[in-house]
Amino acid sequence: MKQKLLILAGYFGIAPAVLLVAILFSLYLVHENNGYYNKSMDAFNSNVAFKAIPEKRQETAIFIYQNDARVEALKKFFLTYKSPLAAYTYKIVDEADKHSLDFRLLPAIAMQESNLCKKIPNNSYNCWGFGIYGGKVTRFSGYDEAIETVSKTLAKEYKAKGLIEPDEIMKKYTPSSNGSWANGVSFFMDRINISL
C-alpha cells in the first residue's frame, strides 16, 4: 500500500511539473515564432516576396529547324545550272504542296522550256513557256507571280483533269511536240530525284 501511495504522490507531484514545463516551452516557441511570422508578413506585404509576373531573365533559346530535303535538292539542281530560281526553292515547294503537285514538275518544265530561265523573253519572268506561242508572250511581274500562276494552272487545268505524268501534260501543254518535251521533263525530274 505504501508503494501505491508513493506512486500516486509522485504522479501528482511530477505531472504538474511536466505540464508546467510543457506550457512554458510552448510559450517560448510561440514567442520565438512570433518574430518569424512578423517577418514573413512583412515579406508578404512588400513588393518583393510574391509576384504574379515573374522577373525578366535573360535566356537563350536554341531552335533547330529541319530542312526539307526537297528544298535542298532543288537548290542543288538550280545552283548546278546557275539558275535565278535558286532563290525561289521554298516558293516552288510551297506552291507544289499547296496545289498537290510533284515539286519537281515546275523546275523540270523550266529546264525543258528555257534552260532554267536562261532563254526567256525580256522582262517576262516566264521560264515555263507559259502562254508563249506565235507572237504572244505572257509576262509576269516577277518569279513569285510566275511560280504561283503556273502552279495554279497546272493544278486546275491539268492535274484536276487527270493529266499528271509529263506525257499526259504534253498533249495539252505543247501538243505539237513529238514526245521530246515529255522525255526532257521526265529526264530532269529524275535528275532532281537523284539529289534526294
Protein backbone atom coordinates (compact mmCIF):
# COMPACT_ATOMS: atom_id res chain seq x y z
CA MET A 1 0.00 0.00 0.00
CA LYS A 2 2.85 2.29 0.85
CA GLN A 3 4.25 1.74 -2.60
CA LYS A 4 0.96 2.76 -4.22
CA LEU A 5 0.87 5.97 -2.20
CA LEU A 6 4.39 6.82 -3.31
CA ILE A 7 3.46 6.28 -6.94
CA LEU A 8 0.32 8.37 -6.55
CA ALA A 9 2.25 11.18 -4.81
CA GLY A 10 4.95 11.04 -7.46
CA TYR A 11 2.34 11.24 -10.19
CA PHE A 12 0.63 14.28 -8.67
CA GLY A 13 3.99 15.91 -7.98
CA ILE A 14 5.69 15.18 -11.30
CA ALA A 15 2.69 15.52 -13.63
CA PRO A 16 2.08 19.21 -12.84
CA ALA A 17 5.81 19.95 -13.14
CA VAL A 18 5.96 18.28 -16.59
CA LEU A 19 2.80 20.11 -17.61
CA LEU A 20 4.26 23.43 -16.41
CA VAL A 21 7.49 22.82 -18.36
CA ALA A 22 5.48 21.93 -21.48
CA ILE A 23 3.40 25.12 -21.19
CA LEU A 24 6.49 27.29 -20.66
CA PHE A 25 8.25 25.65 -23.62
CA SER A 26 5.16 26.19 -25.79
CA LEU A 27 5.05 29.87 -24.79
CA TYR A 28 8.74 30.17 -25.61
CA LEU A 29 8.14 28.68 -29.08
CA VAL A 30 5.19 30.99 -29.72
CA HIS A 31 7.29 33.96 -28.69
CA GLU A 32 10.18 32.94 -30.96
CA ASN A 33 7.92 32.13 -33.90
CA ASN A 34 6.01 35.35 -33.48
CA GLY A 35 9.08 37.21 -34.70
CA TYR A 36 9.29 34.79 -37.64
CA TYR A 37 5.64 35.32 -38.54
CA ASN A 38 6.04 39.07 -38.39
CA LYS A 39 9.00 38.86 -40.76
CA SER A 40 7.02 36.61 -43.10
CA MET A 41 4.09 39.02 -43.10
CA ASP A 42 6.45 41.92 -43.82
CA ALA A 43 7.85 40.00 -46.77
CA PHE A 44 4.31 39.14 -47.94
CA ASN A 45 3.25 42.78 -47.81
CA SER A 46 6.37 44.01 -49.60
CA ASN A 47 6.69 44.17 -53.37
CA VAL A 48 9.40 41.52 -53.48
CA ALA A 49 8.15 38.24 -51.99
CA PHE A 50 5.30 37.19 -54.27
CA LYS A 51 4.59 38.47 -57.76
CA ALA A 52 2.06 37.43 -60.34
CA ILE A 53 4.54 38.11 -63.13
CA PRO A 54 7.98 36.59 -62.81
CA GLU A 55 11.02 38.76 -63.11
CA LYS A 56 12.56 39.06 -66.56
CA ARG A 57 15.61 36.94 -67.05
CA GLN A 58 17.99 36.79 -69.91
CA GLU A 59 17.59 33.42 -71.53
CA THR A 60 18.99 31.91 -74.65
CA ALA A 61 16.80 29.71 -76.79
CA ILE A 62 18.06 27.40 -79.46
CA PHE A 63 15.71 26.48 -82.29
CA ILE A 64 16.52 23.58 -84.56
CA TYR A 65 14.88 23.60 -87.95
CA GLN A 66 14.84 20.54 -90.07
CA ASN A 67 15.44 21.39 -93.68
CA ASP A 68 13.10 19.96 -96.24
CA ALA A 69 15.15 17.60 -98.40
CA ARG A 70 13.13 18.71 -101.43
CA VAL A 71 14.24 22.31 -100.96
CA GLU A 72 17.86 21.20 -100.70
CA ALA A 73 17.55 19.02 -103.82
CA LEU A 74 16.05 21.87 -105.85
CA LYS A 75 18.63 24.35 -104.61
CA LYS A 76 21.42 21.99 -105.64
CA PHE A 77 19.76 21.48 -109.04
CA PHE A 78 19.35 25.24 -109.63
CA LEU A 79 22.86 26.10 -108.45
CA THR A 80 24.36 23.41 -110.68
CA TYR A 81 22.84 25.18 -113.70
CA LYS A 82 23.30 28.71 -112.29
CA SER A 83 19.57 29.43 -112.40
CA PRO A 84 17.95 32.52 -110.87
CA LEU A 85 15.31 30.13 -109.50
CA ALA A 86 17.77 29.08 -106.76
CA ALA A 87 16.37 31.94 -104.69
CA TYR A 88 12.84 30.59 -105.12
CA THR A 89 13.21 26.98 -103.98
CA TYR A 90 10.97 27.44 -100.92
CA LYS A 91 8.35 29.16 -103.04
CA ILE A 92 8.32 26.33 -105.57
CA VAL A 93 7.99 23.64 -102.89
CA ASP A 94 5.28 25.64 -101.07
CA GLU A 95 3.25 26.09 -104.25
CA ALA A 96 3.66 22.40 -105.14
CA ASP A 97 2.37 21.44 -101.68
CA LYS A 98 -0.44 23.98 -101.87
CA HIS A 99 -1.67 22.50 -105.16
CA SER A 100 -0.68 18.85 -104.51
CA LEU A 101 1.79 18.81 -107.38
CA ASP A 102 5.06 16.93 -107.70
CA PHE A 103 7.63 19.51 -106.53
CA ARG A 104 9.93 18.52 -109.41
CA LEU A 105 7.42 19.34 -112.15
CA LEU A 106 7.84 23.13 -112.29
CA PRO A 107 11.66 23.03 -112.28
CA ALA A 108 11.73 20.27 -114.91
CA ILE A 109 9.39 22.21 -117.19
CA ALA A 110 11.51 25.34 -116.66
CA MET A 111 14.61 23.39 -117.64
CA GLN A 112 12.94 21.96 -120.74
CA GLU A 113 11.41 25.29 -121.84
CA SER A 114 14.10 27.84 -121.01
CA ASN A 115 17.23 26.12 -119.69
CA LEU A 116 16.12 27.22 -116.19
CA CYS A 117 15.26 30.82 -117.14
CA LYS A 118 18.33 31.48 -119.27
CA LYS A 119 16.38 31.73 -122.52
CA ILE A 120 13.23 33.74 -121.84
CA PRO A 121 11.62 36.80 -123.44
CA ASN A 122 12.98 40.03 -121.91
CA ASN A 123 11.31 41.09 -118.66
CA SER A 124 8.82 38.23 -118.80
CA TYR A 125 9.98 36.08 -115.85
CA ASN A 126 8.37 33.30 -117.86
CA CYS A 127 10.68 30.31 -117.58
CA TRP A 128 7.94 27.80 -118.41
CA GLY A 129 6.97 28.82 -121.95
CA PHE A 130 3.58 29.51 -120.37
CA GLY A 131 1.27 31.22 -122.86
CA ILE A 132 4.08 31.81 -125.34
CA TYR A 133 3.11 30.93 -128.88
CA GLY A 134 3.18 32.75 -132.19
CA GLY A 135 3.65 36.42 -131.34
CA LYS A 136 2.04 36.14 -127.91
CA VAL A 137 4.16 36.36 -124.77
CA THR A 138 2.69 36.03 -121.27
CA ARG A 139 4.64 38.25 -118.89
CA PHE A 140 4.73 38.21 -115.11
CA SER A 141 5.71 40.89 -112.61
CA GLY A 142 8.33 38.57 -111.12
CA TYR A 143 9.24 34.96 -110.47
CA ASP A 144 6.84 34.80 -107.50
CA GLU A 145 3.84 35.61 -109.65
CA ALA A 146 5.04 33.26 -112.39
CA ILE A 147 5.51 30.34 -109.97
CA GLU A 148 2.08 30.93 -108.42
CA THR A 149 0.28 31.24 -111.77
CA VAL A 150 1.92 28.26 -113.47
CA SER A 151 1.43 26.04 -110.37
CA LYS A 152 -2.22 27.03 -110.06
CA THR A 153 -2.82 26.40 -113.77
CA LEU A 154 -1.10 23.02 -113.69
CA ALA A 155 -3.30 22.04 -110.74
CA LYS A 156 -6.62 23.28 -112.18
CA GLU A 157 -6.22 22.70 -115.89
CA TYR A 158 -4.04 19.59 -115.90
CA LYS A 159 -3.96 17.64 -112.62
CA ALA A 160 -7.67 18.15 -111.92
CA LYS A 161 -8.38 16.69 -115.37
CA GLY A 162 -6.21 13.64 -114.80
CA LEU A 163 -3.14 14.95 -116.66
CA ILE A 164 -0.36 14.16 -114.18
CA GLU A 165 2.54 12.49 -115.98
CA PRO A 166 4.72 14.53 -118.37
CA ASP A 167 3.49 12.64 -121.45
CA GLU A 168 -0.15 13.38 -120.44
CA ILE A 169 0.62 17.05 -119.69
CA MET A 170 2.46 17.41 -123.02
CA LYS A 171 -0.71 16.66 -125.04
CA LYS A 172 -2.28 19.89 -123.79
CA TYR A 173 0.76 21.99 -122.80
CA THR A 174 2.65 21.58 -126.06
CA PRO A 175 0.56 19.40 -128.38
CA SER A 176 2.89 19.82 -131.34
CA SER A 177 5.73 18.01 -129.55
CA ASN A 178 6.77 14.63 -130.93
CA GLY A 179 7.38 13.32 -127.40
CA SER A 180 10.71 15.01 -126.82
CA TRP A 181 9.13 17.56 -124.43
CA ALA A 182 7.78 14.81 -122.15
CA ASN A 183 11.06 12.89 -122.35
CA GLY A 184 13.00 16.02 -121.40
CA VAL A 185 10.70 16.86 -118.47
CA SER A 186 10.86 13.26 -117.22
CA PHE A 187 14.64 13.25 -117.53
CA PHE A 188 15.00 16.44 -115.48
CA MET A 189 12.52 15.22 -112.86
CA ASP A 190 14.71 12.14 -112.49
CA ARG A 191 17.83 14.34 -112.18
CA ILE A 192 16.22 16.19 -109.28
CA ASN A 193 15.20 12.87 -107.72
CA ILE A 194 18.83 11.68 -107.73
CA SER A 195 19.68 14.58 -105.41
CA LEU A 196 17.29 13.32 -102.71
